[in-house]
């Protein structure tokens, strides 16, 4: 089920719960048999359980959507950015070391042995 489908199912379940409660509210409970009252309560309990289940399912769906798929472009880009950051730091350190040695090398080249 997609997130939108889950929300529609939750909405429909809430509509049924409300409709049933409105019906019972408008009926004189003295006119109902014990079997009818039990059936109503079981129906409401069942709908409530379904609502709770769908709500938990929606939460799990949202959590799973937050996790990045290793094949997704976003995940690959993040991996490459991290790799580049590490490489950039390493290259920067190497270049800094080379620049420190560079003046010494240029002095040697400028000396003439003749």
Protein backbone atom coordinates (compact mmCIF):
# COMPACT_ATOMS: atom_id res chain seq x y z
CA UNK A 1 0.00 0.00 0.00
CA UNK A 2 1.16 3.48 -0.82
CA UNK A 3 0.96 6.26 1.79
CA UNK A 4 -2.04 7.87 0.08
CA UNK A 5 -3.92 4.54 0.04
CA UNK A 6 -3.25 4.07 3.74
CA UNK A 7 -4.59 7.53 4.51
CA UNK A 8 -7.71 6.83 2.47
CA UNK A 9 -8.23 3.56 4.37
CA UNK A 10 -7.81 5.36 7.71
CA UNK A 11 -10.30 8.03 6.56
CA UNK A 12 -12.85 5.39 5.52
CA UNK A 13 -12.45 3.53 8.82
CA UNK A 14 -12.99 6.74 10.77
CA UNK A 15 -16.11 7.45 8.70
CA UNK A 16 -17.52 4.01 9.60
CA UNK A 17 -16.70 4.49 13.28
CA UNK A 18 -18.42 7.88 13.31
CA UNK A 19 -21.42 6.62 11.33
CA UNK A 20 -21.91 3.70 13.72
CA UNK A 21 -21.59 5.96 16.76
CA UNK A 22 -24.13 8.40 15.29
CA UNK A 23 -26.59 5.58 14.67
CA UNK A 24 -26.25 4.27 18.22
CA UNK A 25 -26.54 7.81 19.57
CA UNK A 26 -29.92 8.22 17.83
CA UNK A 27 -31.30 4.85 18.97
CA UNK A 28 -32.86 4.15 22.32
CA UNK A 29 -30.62 1.46 23.82
CA UNK A 30 -33.65 -0.04 25.58
CA UNK A 31 -35.00 -1.02 22.17
CA UNK A 32 -31.86 -3.03 21.33
CA UNK A 33 -31.27 -6.60 22.35
CA UNK A 34 -28.12 -7.69 24.10
CA UNK A 35 -27.01 -9.42 20.90
CA UNK A 36 -27.38 -6.20 18.91
CA UNK A 37 -25.43 -4.22 21.50
CA UNK A 38 -22.69 -6.88 21.55
CA UNK A 39 -22.56 -6.84 17.75
CA UNK A 40 -22.24 -3.07 17.73
CA UNK A 41 -19.47 -3.14 20.33
CA UNK A 42 -17.59 -5.87 18.45
CA UNK A 43 -17.95 -3.95 15.20
CA UNK A 44 -16.62 -0.78 16.82
CA UNK A 45 -13.76 -2.69 18.47
CA UNK A 46 -12.90 -4.33 15.17
CA UNK A 47 -12.91 -0.98 13.38
CA UNK A 48 -10.77 0.53 16.13
CA UNK A 49 -8.27 -2.31 15.85
CA UNK A 50 -8.18 -1.82 12.09
CA UNK A 51 -7.64 1.92 12.59
CA UNK A 52 -4.78 1.28 15.04
CA UNK A 53 -3.23 -1.26 12.65
CA UNK A 54 -3.44 1.13 9.69
CA UNK A 55 -1.96 3.96 11.76
CA UNK A 56 0.98 1.77 12.80
CA UNK A 57 1.36 0.64 9.19
CA UNK A 58 1.48 4.28 8.09
CA UNK A 59 4.15 5.08 10.68
CA UNK A 60 6.24 2.12 9.51
CA UNK A 61 5.78 3.14 5.89
CA UNK A 62 6.98 6.67 6.65
CA UNK A 63 10.01 5.32 8.52
CA UNK A 64 10.92 2.98 5.66
CA UNK A 65 10.59 5.84 3.17
CA UNK A 66 13.03 7.90 5.22
CA UNK A 67 15.68 5.23 4.88
CA UNK A 68 17.72 5.75 1.77
CA UNK A 69 17.76 3.07 -0.83
CA UNK A 70 21.37 2.15 -1.63
CA UNK A 71 20.51 2.19 -5.32
CA UNK A 72 18.96 5.65 -5.26
CA UNK A 73 20.69 8.53 -6.97
CA UNK A 74 20.59 10.56 -3.76
CA UNK A 75 22.43 7.83 -1.85
CA UNK A 76 25.07 7.52 -4.59
CA UNK A 77 25.59 11.28 -4.63
CA UNK A 78 25.99 11.34 -0.84
CA UNK A 79 28.56 8.53 -1.04
CA UNK A 80 30.51 10.39 -3.71
CA UNK A 81 30.43 13.63 -1.75
CA UNK A 82 31.82 11.87 1.31
CA UNK A 83 34.52 10.22 -0.80
CA UNK A 84 35.39 13.55 -2.40
CA UNK A 85 35.64 15.27 1.00
CA UNK A 86 38.12 12.65 2.19
CA UNK A 87 40.13 12.88 -1.02
CA UNK A 88 40.08 16.69 -0.95
CA UNK A 89 41.52 16.74 2.56
CA UNK A 90 44.21 14.26 1.57
CA UNK A 91 45.11 16.18 -1.58
CA UNK A 92 45.17 19.45 0.36
CA UNK A 93 47.58 17.98 2.90
CA UNK A 94 49.83 16.61 0.15
CA UNK A 95 49.84 19.94 -1.69
CA UNK A 96 50.64 21.80 1.53
CA UNK A 97 53.61 19.49 2.14
CA UNK A 98 54.76 19.93 -1.46
CA UNK A 99 54.56 23.73 -1.17
CA UNK A 100 56.74 23.66 1.91
CA UNK A 101 59.38 21.65 0.00
CA UNK A 102 59.01 23.74 -3.17
CA UNK A 103 61.07 26.75 -2.06
CA UNK A 104 63.95 24.46 -1.17
CA UNK A 105 63.79 22.82 -4.59
CA UNK A 106 63.64 26.15 -6.40
CA UNK A 107 66.70 27.38 -4.52
CA UNK A 108 68.64 24.34 -5.60
CA UNK A 109 67.69 24.85 -9.21
CA UNK A 110 68.75 28.45 -9.10
CA UNK A 111 72.24 27.66 -7.82
CA UNK A 112 74.80 27.36 -10.49
CA UNK A 113 77.62 25.00 -10.10
CA UNK A 114 79.92 26.67 -12.61
